């Protein structure tokens, strides 16, 4: 009897330690947890991701395909308790960075995850470098934990397919296309669109951000930003582009110098006109003043003008060293 009681007491102690004391858990900062009971996640009634703004970016034909239930999320803190038939799934919601050329299933792919290749509209094989910032979508943890086996693999595959499709059909915006001797016109004439891609990296990154907004609803991962930093064409194309850009820079420099010289000449001509105008005004001003004075003298009396002329002649005679007077002949 004592042996049976001892076994029962030992079993009870083991059960309390193994399943009760060990049933307490905590959730760290930067983590979220979901509890499952017999493999089924605790859900929030009949709500699905279609009832949440996270699915707003899905197309109409994708909404039913990516319809996931909303689950109860355990926030950071604790201690929490779980029964032996329950299991806790913890995930980190911190932002992470990954090379855009990384293939989670094959580390040797894409030049060992350092260079992603894509074909342009001109059938040129280019190499792309950059990074992707992503984090687990807290509003769709079901898709991340239970909907997809390896979410990051699906997200990377989706990103790469969208990027390659964009590169293959990329055209410079109409407002960015130049005329005459600018790089875009020269490269278009040679069938090369690498310059267009390089000059529009910001537009390319923004396009990728827009297209990948649905990744949270699809796979439970939010792409915070795509940072495409480099586009490297084949070596023979790179040398041709360098020659084109050098020629364009020389032409642009010559045009700038010609414009500067023309502007300088225009300024000098305008200044010369102003100087001559002021000089003419300076010459006209005394004559105008003299006419005004003579008009005033004329109005003062009939002999005022004659007296004024006589005084002027006397002043001139006083300043002259020699005078020639015409003597009338009889």
C-alpha atoms as a PDB file:
ATOM      1  CA  UNK A   1       0.000   0.000   0.000  1.00  0.00           C
ATOM      2  CA  UNK A   2       2.801   2.362   0.876  1.00  0.00           C
ATOM      3  CA  UNK A   3       4.469   1.546  -2.443  1.00  0.00           C
ATOM      4  CA  UNK A   4       1.309   2.473  -4.338  1.00  0.00           C
ATOM      5  CA  UNK A   5       0.916   5.708  -2.406  1.00  0.00           C
ATOM      6  CA  UNK A   6       4.567   6.507  -3.014  1.00  0.00           C
ATOM      7  CA  UNK A   7       4.150   5.905  -6.751  1.00  0.00           C
ATOM      8  CA  UNK A   8       1.066   8.084  -6.846  1.00  0.00           C
ATOM      9  CA  UNK A   9       2.838  10.832  -4.898  1.00  0.00           C
ATOM     10  CA  UNK A  10       5.850  10.602  -7.205  1.00  0.00           C
ATOM     11  CA  UNK A  11       3.647  10.698 -10.310  1.00  0.00           C
ATOM     12  CA  UNK A  12       1.723  13.677  -8.937  1.00  0.00           C
ATOM     13  CA  UNK A  13       4.959  15.520  -8.136  1.00  0.00           C
ATOM     14  CA  UNK A  14       6.351  14.745 -11.597  1.00  0.00           C
ATOM     15  CA  UNK A  15       3.103  15.904 -13.222  1.00  0.00           C
ATOM     16  CA  UNK A  16       3.058  19.149 -11.245  1.00  0.00           C
ATOM     17  CA  UNK A  17       6.678  19.917 -12.108  1.00  0.00           C
ATOM     18  CA  UNK A  18       6.507  18.746 -15.724  1.00  0.00           C
ATOM     19  CA  UNK A  19       3.192  20.216 -16.832  1.00  0.00           C
ATOM     20  CA  UNK A  20       2.094  22.778 -14.254  1.00  0.00           C
ATOM     21  CA  UNK A  21       5.273  24.551 -13.159  1.00  0.00           C
ATOM     22  CA  UNK A  22       6.711  24.243 -16.661  1.00  0.00           C
ATOM     23  CA  UNK A  23       3.463  25.544 -18.131  1.00  0.00           C
ATOM     24  CA  UNK A  24       4.304  29.139 -17.257  1.00  0.00           C
ATOM     25  CA  UNK A  25       6.013  31.169 -19.992  1.00  0.00           C
ATOM     26  CA  UNK A  26       6.833  34.767 -20.901  1.00  0.00           C
ATOM     27  CA  UNK A  27       7.009  36.692 -24.160  1.00  0.00           C
ATOM     28  CA  UNK A  28      10.032  38.922 -24.654  1.00  0.00           C
ATOM     29  CA  UNK A  29      10.030  42.439 -26.065  1.00  0.00           C
ATOM     30  CA  UNK A  30      10.056  42.342 -29.861  1.00  0.00           C
ATOM     31  CA  UNK A  31       8.187  39.023 -29.847  1.00  0.00           C
ATOM     32  CA  UNK A  32       4.590  37.964 -30.311  1.00  0.00           C
ATOM     33  CA  UNK A  33       3.107  34.581 -29.479  1.00  0.00           C
ATOM     34  CA  UNK A  34       0.182  32.468 -30.622  1.00  0.00           C
ATOM     35  CA  UNK A  35      -1.195  29.581 -28.574  1.00  0.00           C
ATOM     36  CA  UNK A  36      -2.544  26.400 -30.148  1.00  0.00           C
ATOM     37  CA  UNK A  37      -4.744  23.828 -28.495  1.00  0.00           C
ATOM     38  CA  UNK A  38      -4.351  20.317 -29.939  1.00  0.00           C
ATOM     39  CA  UNK A  39      -2.816  21.951 -33.026  1.00  0.00           C
ATOM     40  CA  UNK A  40      -5.596  24.518 -33.539  1.00  0.00           C
ATOM     41  CA  UNK A  41      -4.750  28.197 -33.078  1.00  0.00           C
ATOM     42  CA  UNK A  42      -6.960  30.240 -30.810  1.00  0.00           C
ATOM     43  CA  UNK A  43      -9.061  32.346 -33.145  1.00  0.00           C
ATOM     44  CA  UNK A  44     -11.028  35.575 -32.768  1.00  0.00           C
ATOM     45  CA  UNK A  45     -14.534  34.374 -33.482  1.00  0.00           C
ATOM     46  CA  UNK A  46     -15.142  34.013 -37.211  1.00  0.00           C
ATOM     47  CA  UNK A  47     -13.025  37.008 -38.232  1.00  0.00           C
ATOM     48  CA  UNK A  48     -10.595  36.571 -41.120  1.00  0.00           C
ATOM     49  CA  UNK A  49      -7.911  38.707 -42.705  1.00  0.00           C
ATOM     50  CA  UNK A  50     -10.503  39.884 -45.225  1.00  0.00           C
ATOM     51  CA  UNK A  51     -12.071  41.828 -42.340  1.00  0.00           C
ATOM     52  CA  UNK A  52      -8.749  43.552 -41.647  1.00  0.00           C
ATOM     53  CA  UNK A  53      -7.025  46.402 -43.574  1.00  0.00           C
ATOM     54  CA  UNK A  54      -4.068  44.096 -44.163  1.00  0.00           C
ATOM     55  CA  UNK A  55      -5.970  42.591 -47.119  1.00  0.00           C
ATOM     56  CA  UNK A  56      -6.735  45.943 -48.754  1.00  0.00           C
ATOM     57  CA  UNK A  57      -3.906  45.506 -51.278  1.00  0.00           C
ATOM     58  CA  UNK A  58      -5.139  42.129 -52.546  1.00  0.00           C
ATOM     59  CA  UNK A  59      -6.809  41.903 -55.938  1.00  0.00           C
ATOM     60  CA  UNK A  60     -10.391  40.685 -56.102  1.00  0.00           C
ATOM     61  CA  UNK A  61      -9.327  37.289 -57.492  1.00  0.00           C
ATOM     62  CA  UNK A  62      -6.835  36.812 -54.640  1.00  0.00           C
ATOM     63  CA  UNK A  63      -9.046  37.577 -51.673  1.00  0.00           C
ATOM     64  CA  UNK A  64     -10.524  34.096 -51.241  1.00  0.00           C
ATOM     65  CA  UNK A  65      -7.199  32.398 -51.952  1.00  0.00           C
ATOM     66  CA  UNK A  66      -5.441  34.262 -49.142  1.00  0.00           C
ATOM     67  CA  UNK A  67      -8.231  34.189 -46.608  1.00  0.00           C
ATOM     68  CA  UNK A  68      -6.726  33.374 -43.201  1.00  0.00           C
ATOM     69  CA  UNK A  69      -8.400  33.392 -39.774  1.00  0.00           C
ATOM     70  CA  UNK A  70      -7.489  36.060 -37.264  1.00  0.00           C
ATOM     71  CA  UNK A  71      -5.810  34.573 -34.188  1.00  0.00           C
ATOM     72  CA  UNK A  72      -5.369  35.786 -30.641  1.00  0.00           C
ATOM     73  CA  UNK A  73      -1.943  37.363 -30.219  1.00  0.00           C
ATOM     74  CA  UNK A  74      -0.147  37.174 -26.899  1.00  0.00           C
ATOM     75  CA  UNK A  75       1.702  40.471 -26.335  1.00  0.00           C
ATOM     76  CA  UNK A  76       5.077  40.854 -24.575  1.00  0.00           C
ATOM     77  CA  UNK A  77       4.945  40.224 -20.866  1.00  0.00           C
ATOM     78  CA  UNK A  78       3.900  37.406 -18.614  1.00  0.00           C
ATOM     79  CA  UNK A  79       3.972  35.078 -16.955  1.00  0.00           C
ATOM     80  CA  UNK A  80       1.337  33.261 -19.020  1.00  0.00           C
ATOM     81  CA  UNK A  81       0.146  29.700 -18.558  1.00  0.00           C
ATOM     82  CA  UNK A  82      -0.483  26.852 -20.966  1.00  0.00           C
ATOM     83  CA  UNK A  83      -1.892  23.402 -20.437  1.00  0.00           C
ATOM     84  CA  UNK A  84      -0.022  20.278 -21.491  1.00  0.00           C
ATOM     85  CA  UNK A  85      -2.130  19.954 -24.643  1.00  0.00           C
ATOM     86  CA  UNK A  86      -1.363  23.516 -25.640  1.00  0.00           C
ATOM     87  CA  UNK A  87       1.661  24.814 -27.487  1.00  0.00           C
ATOM     88  CA  UNK A  88       3.072  28.332 -27.747  1.00  0.00           C
ATOM     89  CA  UNK A  89       4.525  29.639 -31.047  1.00  0.00           C
ATOM     90  CA  UNK A  90       6.756  32.676 -30.620  1.00  0.00           C
ATOM     91  CA  UNK A  91       7.952  34.884 -33.492  1.00  0.00           C
ATOM     92  CA  UNK A  92      10.163  37.975 -33.636  1.00  0.00           C
ATOM     93  CA  UNK A  93       8.558  41.081 -35.128  1.00  0.00           C
ATOM     94  CA  UNK A  94      11.822  43.039 -35.346  1.00  0.00           C
ATOM     95  CA  UNK A  95      12.827  44.449 -38.721  1.00  0.00           C
ATOM     96  CA  UNK A  96      15.391  42.312 -40.515  1.00  0.00           C
ATOM     97  CA  UNK A  97      17.583  42.853 -43.585  1.00  0.00           C
ATOM     98  CA  UNK A  98      18.416  40.344 -46.307  1.00  0.00           C
ATOM     99  CA  UNK A  99      20.368  40.568 -49.539  1.00  0.00           C
ATOM    100  CA  UNK A 100      17.918  40.710 -52.441  1.00  0.00           C
ATOM    101  CA  UNK A 101      19.989  38.106 -54.291  1.00  0.00           C
ATOM    102  CA  UNK A 102      19.794  35.606 -51.429  1.00  0.00           C
ATOM    103  CA  UNK A 103      18.008  32.332 -52.163  1.00  0.00           C
ATOM    104  CA  UNK A 104      17.024  30.686 -48.840  1.00  0.00           C
ATOM    105  CA  UNK A 105      16.682  27.287 -50.528  1.00  0.00           C
ATOM    106  CA  UNK A 106      19.980  27.379 -52.440  1.00  0.00           C
ATOM    107  CA  UNK A 107      22.819  29.431 -50.904  1.00  0.00           C
ATOM    108  CA  UNK A 108      24.947  28.894 -54.027  1.00  0.00           C
ATOM    109  CA  UNK A 109      22.392  30.495 -56.360  1.00  0.00           C
ATOM    110  CA  UNK A 110      22.752  34.050 -57.709  1.00  0.00           C
ATOM    111  CA  UNK A 111      26.549  34.046 -57.384  1.00  0.00           C
ATOM    112  CA  UNK A 112      26.323  32.823 -53.791  1.00  0.00           C
ATOM    113  CA  UNK A 113      23.624  35.330 -52.953  1.00  0.00           C
ATOM    114  CA  UNK A 114      25.544  38.446 -54.020  1.00  0.00           C
ATOM    115  CA  UNK A 115      24.222  39.319 -57.509  1.00  0.00           C
ATOM    116  CA  UNK A 116      20.727  38.939 -58.935  1.00  0.00           C
ATOM    117  CA  UNK A 117      20.537  38.647 -62.711  1.00  0.00           C
ATOM    118  CA  UNK A 118      17.716  40.113 -64.809  1.00  0.00           C
ATOM    119  CA  UNK A 119      17.153  40.666 -68.527  1.00  0.00           C
ATOM    120  CA  UNK A 120      16.243  44.145 -69.753  1.00  0.00           C
ATOM    121  CA  UNK A 121      13.878  45.075 -72.556  1.00  0.00           C
ATOM    122  CA  UNK A 122      16.917  45.269 -74.854  1.00  0.00           C
ATOM    123  CA  UNK A 123      17.832  41.638 -74.078  1.00  0.00           C
ATOM    124  CA  UNK A 124      20.801  42.601 -71.924  1.00  0.00           C
ATOM    125  CA  UNK A 125      21.671  40.454 -68.936  1.00  0.00           C
ATOM    126  CA  UNK A 126      22.250  42.838 -66.021  1.00  0.00           C
ATOM    127  CA  UNK A 127      23.312  42.261 -62.442  1.00  0.00           C
ATOM    128  CA  UNK A 128      21.343  43.852 -59.601  1.00  0.00           C
ATOM    129  CA  UNK A 129      22.537  44.444 -56.065  1.00  0.00           C
ATOM    130  CA  UNK A 130      20.629  45.685 -53.058  1.00  0.00           C
ATOM    131  CA  UNK A 131      18.836  44.753 -49.876  1.00  0.00           C
ATOM    132  CA  UNK A 132      15.322  44.140 -48.596  1.00  0.00           C
ATOM    133  CA  UNK A 133      14.025  45.179 -45.183  1.00  0.00           C
ATOM    134  CA  UNK A 134      11.179  43.052 -43.864  1.00  0.00           C
ATOM    135  CA  UNK A 135       9.380  42.085 -40.671  1.00  0.00           C
ATOM    136  CA  UNK A 136       6.698  39.646 -39.612  1.00  0.00           C
ATOM    137  CA  UNK A 137       3.188  41.066 -40.078  1.00  0.00           C
ATOM    138  CA  UNK A 138       1.617  41.104 -36.624  1.00  0.00           C
ATOM    139  CA  UNK A 139      -1.858  41.403 -38.164  1.00  0.00           C
ATOM    140  CA  UNK A 140      -1.457  38.135 -40.071  1.00  0.00           C
ATOM    141  CA  UNK A 141       0.500  35.766 -37.866  1.00  0.00           C
ATOM    142  CA  UNK A 142      -1.639  32.826 -38.981  1.00  0.00           C
ATOM    143  CA  UNK A 143      -0.257  33.032 -42.528  1.00  0.00           C
ATOM    144  CA  UNK A 144       3.317  33.240 -41.236  1.00  0.00           C
ATOM    145  CA  UNK A 145       3.027  30.396 -38.713  1.00  0.00           C
ATOM    146  CA  UNK A 146       0.558  28.014 -40.332  1.00  0.00           C
ATOM    147  CA  UNK A 147      -0.420  29.210 -43.822  1.00  0.00           C
ATOM    148  CA  UNK A 148       2.987  28.931 -45.514  1.00  0.00           C
ATOM    149  CA  UNK A 149       5.724  26.420 -44.754  1.00  0.00           C
ATOM    150  CA  UNK A 150       8.654  28.829 -45.336  1.00  0.00           C
ATOM    151  CA  UNK A 151       7.272  32.353 -45.735  1.00  0.00           C
ATOM    152  CA  UNK A 152      10.600  34.026 -46.512  1.00  0.00           C
ATOM    153  CA  UNK A 153      11.106  31.672 -49.469  1.00  0.00           C
ATOM    154  CA  UNK A 154       7.747  32.666 -50.941  1.00  0.00           C
ATOM    155  CA  UNK A 155       8.362  36.354 -50.294  1.00  0.00           C
ATOM    156  CA  UNK A 156      11.791  36.299 -51.936  1.00  0.00           C
ATOM    157  CA  UNK A 157      10.434  34.382 -54.913  1.00  0.00           C
ATOM    158  CA  UNK A 158       7.571  36.836 -55.294  1.00  0.00           C
ATOM    159  CA  UNK A 159       9.906  39.850 -54.997  1.00  0.00           C
ATOM    160  CA  UNK A 160      12.365  38.493 -57.557  1.00  0.00           C
ATOM    161  CA  UNK A 161       9.622  37.659 -60.061  1.00  0.00           C
ATOM    162  CA  UNK A 162       8.098  41.162 -59.754  1.00  0.00           C
ATOM    163  CA  UNK A 163      11.526  42.788 -60.055  1.00  0.00           C
ATOM    164  CA  UNK A 164      12.516  40.805 -63.141  1.00  0.00           C
ATOM    165  CA  UNK A 165       9.162  41.561 -64.775  1.00  0.00           C
ATOM    166  CA  UNK A 166       9.677  45.271 -64.084  1.00  0.00           C
ATOM    167  CA  UNK A 167      13.234  45.235 -65.458  1.00  0.00           C
ATOM    168  CA  UNK A 168      12.108  43.389 -68.588  1.00  0.00           C
ATOM    169  CA  UNK A 169       9.409  45.985 -69.361  1.00  0.00           C
ATOM    170  CA  UNK A 170      11.008  49.120 -67.960  1.00  0.00           C
ATOM    171  CA  UNK A 171      10.839  52.345 -69.955  1.00  0.00           C
ATOM    172  CA  UNK A 172      11.961  55.754 -68.806  1.00  0.00           C
ATOM    173  CA  UNK A 173       9.080  58.080 -67.822  1.00  0.00           C
ATOM    174  CA  UNK A 174       8.057  60.508 -70.537  1.00  0.00           C
ATOM    175  CA  UNK A 175       9.127  63.539 -68.488  1.00  0.00           C
ATOM    176  CA  UNK A 176      12.570  61.999 -67.972  1.00  0.00           C
ATOM    177  CA  UNK A 177      13.279  61.302 -71.628  1.00  0.00           C
ATOM    178  CA  UNK A 178      15.682  63.754 -73.123  1.00  0.00           C
ATOM    179  CA  UNK A 179      16.078  65.105 -76.622  1.00  0.00           C
ATOM    180  CA  UNK A 180      19.061  65.798 -78.757  1.00  0.00           C
ATOM    181  CA  UNK A 181      22.333  64.667 -77.239  1.00  0.00           C
ATOM    182  CA  UNK A 182      21.282  63.616 -73.728  1.00  0.00           C
ATOM    183  CA  UNK A 183      22.206  60.099 -72.502  1.00  0.00           C
ATOM    184  CA  UNK A 184      18.692  58.694 -72.887  1.00  0.00           C
ATOM    185  CA  UNK A 185      18.490  59.601 -76.564  1.00  0.00           C
ATOM    186  CA  UNK A 186      21.975  58.278 -77.266  1.00  0.00           C
ATOM    187  CA  UNK A 187      21.409  55.003 -75.451  1.00  0.00           C
ATOM    188  CA  UNK A 188      18.024  54.525 -77.118  1.00  0.00           C
ATOM    189  CA  UNK A 189      19.721  54.873 -80.473  1.00  0.00           C
ATOM    190  CA  UNK A 190      22.110  52.091 -79.496  1.00  0.00           C
ATOM    191  CA  UNK A 191      19.380  49.880 -78.042  1.00  0.00           C
ATOM    192  CA  UNK A 192      20.655  50.184 -74.454  1.00  0.00           C
ATOM    193  CA  UNK A 193      18.342  51.059 -71.546  1.00  0.00           C
ATOM    194  CA  UNK A 194      20.852  50.704 -68.705  1.00  0.00           C
ATOM    195  CA  UNK A 195      21.117  54.459 -68.274  1.00  0.00           C
ATOM    196  CA  UNK A 196      17.333  54.681 -67.939  1.00  0.00           C
ATOM    197  CA  UNK A 197      17.393  52.117 -65.144  1.00  0.00           C
ATOM    198  CA  UNK A 198      20.273  53.790 -63.364  1.00  0.00           C
ATOM    199  CA  UNK A 199      18.714  57.243 -63.544  1.00  0.00           C
ATOM    200  CA  UNK A 200      15.357  55.953 -62.279  1.00  0.00           C
ATOM    201  CA  UNK A 201      16.437  53.763 -59.354  1.00  0.00           C
ATOM    202  CA  UNK A 202      14.166  55.701 -57.029  1.00  0.00           C
ATOM    203  CA  UNK A 203      11.128  55.069 -59.242  1.00  0.00           C
ATOM    204  CA  UNK A 204      12.110  51.401 -59.467  1.00  0.00           C
ATOM    205  CA  UNK A 205      12.330  51.084 -55.674  1.00  0.00           C
ATOM    206  CA  UNK A 206       8.996  52.842 -55.211  1.00  0.00           C
ATOM    207  CA  UNK A 207       7.379  50.526 -57.764  1.00  0.00           C
ATOM    208  CA  UNK A 208       8.675  47.482 -55.889  1.00  0.00           C
ATOM    209  CA  UNK A 209       7.344  48.859 -52.599  1.00  0.00           C
ATOM    210  CA  UNK A 210       3.885  49.320 -54.121  1.00  0.00           C
ATOM    211  CA  UNK A 211       3.800  45.916 -55.798  1.00  0.00           C
ATOM    212  CA  UNK A 212       4.925  44.089 -52.659  1.00  0.00           C
ATOM    213  CA  UNK A 213       2.399  45.664 -50.290  1.00  0.00           C
ATOM    214  CA  UNK A 214       0.273  42.520 -50.582  1.00  0.00           C
ATOM    215  CA  UNK A 215       3.034  40.305 -49.137  1.00  0.00           C
ATOM    216  CA  UNK A 216       1.629  40.835 -45.622  1.00  0.00           C
ATOM    217  CA  UNK A 217      -1.754  39.457 -46.669  1.00  0.00           C
ATOM    218  CA  UNK A 218      -0.204  36.674 -48.756  1.00  0.00           C
ATOM    219  CA  UNK A 219       2.598  35.358 -46.571  1.00  0.00           C
ATOM    220  CA  UNK A 220       2.464  37.235 -43.262  1.00  0.00           C
ATOM    221  CA  UNK A 221       5.632  39.236 -44.000  1.00  0.00           C
ATOM    222  CA  UNK A 222       5.695  42.992 -44.518  1.00  0.00           C
ATOM    223  CA  UNK A 223       8.335  44.402 -46.858  1.00  0.00           C
ATOM    224  CA  UNK A 224       9.351  47.712 -45.298  1.00  0.00           C
ATOM    225  CA  UNK A 225      11.550  48.807 -48.195  1.00  0.00           C
ATOM    226  CA  UNK A 226      13.472  47.574 -51.191  1.00  0.00           C
ATOM    227  CA  UNK A 227      16.867  49.207 -51.600  1.00  0.00           C
ATOM    228  CA  UNK A 228      18.188  48.498 -55.098  1.00  0.00           C
ATOM    229  CA  UNK A 229      21.601  50.146 -55.044  1.00  0.00           C
ATOM    230  CA  UNK A 230      23.407  48.965 -58.172  1.00  0.00           C
ATOM    231  CA  UNK A 231      22.780  47.894 -61.761  1.00  0.00           C
ATOM    232  CA  UNK A 232      25.807  46.405 -63.505  1.00  0.00           C
ATOM    233  CA  UNK A 233      25.586  45.652 -67.247  1.00  0.00           C
ATOM    234  CA  UNK A 234      27.954  43.301 -69.119  1.00  0.00           C
ATOM    235  CA  UNK A 235      31.515  44.544 -69.499  1.00  0.00           C
ATOM    236  CA  UNK A 236      31.230  45.289 -73.217  1.00  0.00           C
ATOM    237  CA  UNK A 237      28.070  47.312 -72.622  1.00  0.00           C
ATOM    238  CA  UNK A 238      29.669  49.090 -69.666  1.00  0.00           C
ATOM    239  CA  UNK A 239      32.528  50.339 -71.863  1.00  0.00           C
ATOM    240  CA  UNK A 240      30.059  51.548 -74.507  1.00  0.00           C
ATOM    241  CA  UNK A 241      28.035  53.354 -71.849  1.00  0.00           C
ATOM    242  CA  UNK A 242      31.192  54.948 -70.492  1.00  0.00           C
ATOM    243  CA  UNK A 243      32.071  56.243 -73.966  1.00  0.00           C
ATOM    244  CA  UNK A 244      28.540  57.567 -74.483  1.00  0.00           C
ATOM    245  CA  UNK A 245      28.469  59.300 -71.116  1.00  0.00           C
ATOM    246  CA  UNK A 246      31.938  60.789 -71.722  1.00  0.00           C
ATOM    247  CA  UNK A 247      30.819  62.195 -75.083  1.00  0.00           C
ATOM    248  CA  UNK A 248      27.624  63.520 -73.554  1.00  0.00           C
ATOM    249  CA  UNK A 249      29.506  65.166 -70.710  1.00  0.00           C
ATOM    250  CA  UNK A 250      31.840  66.839 -73.210  1.00  0.00           C
ATOM    251  CA  UNK A 251      28.895  68.089 -75.275  1.00  0.00           C
ATOM    252  CA  UNK A 252      27.138  69.317 -72.138  1.00  0.00           C
ATOM    253  CA  UNK A 253      30.305  71.107 -71.052  1.00  0.00           C
ATOM    254  CA  UNK A 254      30.672  72.816 -74.443  1.00  0.00           C
ATOM    255  CA  UNK A 255      27.019  73.847 -74.415  1.00  0.00           C
ATOM    256  CA  UNK A 256      27.360  75.245 -70.895  1.00  0.00           C
ATOM    257  CA  UNK A 257      30.455  77.233 -71.850  1.00  0.00           C
ATOM    258  CA  UNK A 258      28.725  78.619 -74.972  1.00  0.00           C
ATOM    259  CA  UNK A 259      25.680  79.593 -72.933  1.00  0.00           C
ATOM    260  CA  UNK A 260      27.865  81.253 -70.295  1.00  0.00           C
ATOM    261  CA  UNK A 261      29.744  83.195 -72.981  1.00  0.00           C
ATOM    262  CA  UNK A 262      26.491  84.279 -74.640  1.00  0.00           C
ATOM    263  CA  UNK A 263      25.039  85.348 -71.291  1.00  0.00           C
ATOM    264  CA  UNK A 264      28.187  87.349 -70.543  1.00  0.00           C
ATOM    265  CA  UNK A 265      28.012  89.115 -73.905  1.00  0.00           C
ATOM    266  CA  UNK A 266      24.333  89.889 -73.376  1.00  0.00           C
ATOM    267  CA  UNK A 267      25.105  91.415 -69.993  1.00  0.00           C
ATOM    268  CA  UNK A 268      27.965  93.472 -71.462  1.00  0.00           C
ATOM    269  CA  UNK A 269      25.782  94.684 -74.337  1.00  0.00           C
ATOM    270  CA  UNK A 270      22.993  95.621 -71.959  1.00  0.00           C
ATOM    271  CA  UNK A 271      25.454  97.526 -69.788  1.00  0.00           C
ATOM    272  CA  UNK A 272      26.907  99.344 -72.811  1.00  0.00           C
ATOM    273  CA  UNK A 273      23.420 100.404 -73.882  1.00  0.00           C
ATOM    274  CA  UNK A 274      22.749 101.729 -70.390  1.00  0.00           C
ATOM    275  CA  UNK A 275      26.022 103.689 -70.379  1.00  0.00           C
ATOM    276  CA  UNK A 276      25.355 105.257 -73.808  1.00  0.00           C
ATOM    277  CA  UNK A 277      21.825 106.110 -72.774  1.00  0.00           C
ATOM    278  CA  UNK A 278      23.060 107.858 -69.625  1.00  0.00           C
ATOM    279  CA  UNK A 279      25.717 109.688 -71.671  1.00  0.00           C
ATOM    280  CA  UNK A 280      23.086 110.890 -74.142  1.00  0.00           C
ATOM    281  CA  UNK A 281      20.912 112.040 -71.269  1.00  0.00           C
ATOM    282  CA  UNK A 282      23.913 113.905 -69.816  1.00  0.00           C
ATOM    283  CA  UNK A 283      24.466 115.700 -73.123  1.00  0.00           C
ATOM    284  CA  UNK A 284      20.802 116.549 -73.621  1.00  0.00           C
ATOM    285  CA  UNK A 285      20.221 117.767 -70.071  1.00  0.00           C
ATOM    286  CA  UNK A 286      22.268 121.035 -70.372  1.00  0.00           C
ATOM    287  CA  UNK A 287      20.561 121.855 -73.657  1.00  0.00           C
ATOM    288  CA  UNK A 288      17.177 121.284 -72.080  1.00  0.00           C
ATOM    289  CA  UNK A 289      18.093 123.481 -69.149  1.00  0.00           C
ATOM    290  CA  UNK A 290      19.382 126.211 -71.531  1.00  0.00           C
ATOM    291  CA  UNK A 291      16.145 126.101 -73.545  1.00  0.00           C
ATOM    292  CA  UNK A 292      14.148 126.478 -70.341  1.00  0.00           C
ATOM    293  CA  UNK A 293      16.302 129.393 -69.265  1.00  0.00           C
ATOM    294  CA  UNK A 294      16.005 131.146 -72.632  1.00  0.00           C
ATOM    295  CA  UNK A 295      12.259 130.656 -72.596  1.00  0.00           C
ATOM    296  CA  UNK A 296      12.092 132.274 -69.169  1.00  0.00           C
ATOM    297  CA  UNK A 297      14.284 135.195 -70.349  1.00  0.00           C
ATOM    298  CA  UNK A 298      12.119 135.756 -73.381  1.00  0.00           C
ATOM    299  CA  UNK A 299       9.076 136.010 -71.184  1.00  0.00           C
ATOM    300  CA  UNK A 300      10.754 138.563 -68.907  1.00  0.00           C
ATOM    301  CA  UNK A 301      11.093 141.247 -71.632  1.00  0.00           C
ATOM    302  CA  UNK A 302      11.881 141.999 -75.320  1.00  0.00           C
ATOM    303  CA  UNK A 303      15.514 142.939 -74.693  1.00  0.00           C
ATOM    304  CA  UNK A 304      16.416 140.126 -72.284  1.00  0.00           C
ATOM    305  CA  UNK A 305      17.533 137.700 -74.939  1.00  0.00           C
ATOM    306  CA  UNK A 306      19.700 140.337 -76.660  1.00  0.00           C
ATOM    307  CA  UNK A 307      21.310 141.253 -73.334  1.00  0.00           C
ATOM    308  CA  UNK A 308      21.931 137.608 -72.484  1.00  0.00           C
ATOM    309  CA  UNK A 309      23.609 136.966 -75.844  1.00  0.00           C
ATOM    310  CA  UNK A 310      25.743 140.085 -75.410  1.00  0.00           C
ATOM    311  CA  UNK A 311      26.886 138.944 -71.946  1.00  0.00           C
ATOM    312  CA  UNK A 312      27.744 135.493 -73.259  1.00  0.00           C
ATOM    313  CA  UNK A 313      29.773 137.018 -76.105  1.00  0.00           C
ATOM    314  CA  UNK A 314      31.635 139.287 -73.704  1.00  0.00           C
ATOM    315  CA  UNK A 315      32.481 136.307 -71.498  1.00  0.00           C
ATOM    316  CA  UNK A 316      33.792 134.402 -74.487  1.00  0.00           C
ATOM    317  CA  UNK A 317      35.821 137.377 -75.640  1.00  0.00           C
ATOM    318  CA  UNK A 318      37.339 137.689 -72.178  1.00  0.00           C
ATOM    319  CA  UNK A 319      38.474 134.091 -72.294  1.00  0.00           C
ATOM    320  CA  UNK A 320      39.765 134.191 -75.866  1.00  0.00           C
ATOM    321  CA  UNK A 321      43.412 135.006 -76.576  1.00  0.00           C
ATOM    322  CA  UNK A 322      42.777 136.070 -80.156  1.00  0.00           C
ATOM    323  CA  UNK A 323      39.697 137.257 -81.923  1.00  0.00           C
ATOM    324  CA  UNK A 324      39.096 137.557 -85.652  1.00  0.00           C
ATOM    325  CA  UNK A 325      36.653 140.258 -86.574  1.00  0.00           C
ATOM    326  CA  UNK A 326      35.272 140.631 -90.026  1.00  0.00           C
ATOM    327  CA  UNK A 327      35.539 144.197 -91.310  1.00  0.00           C
ATOM    328  CA  UNK A 328      32.883 145.210 -93.780  1.00  0.00           C
ATOM    329  CA  UNK A 329      34.169 146.674 -97.068  1.00  0.00           C
ATOM    330  CA  UNK A 330      32.802 149.870 -98.405  1.00  0.00           C
END
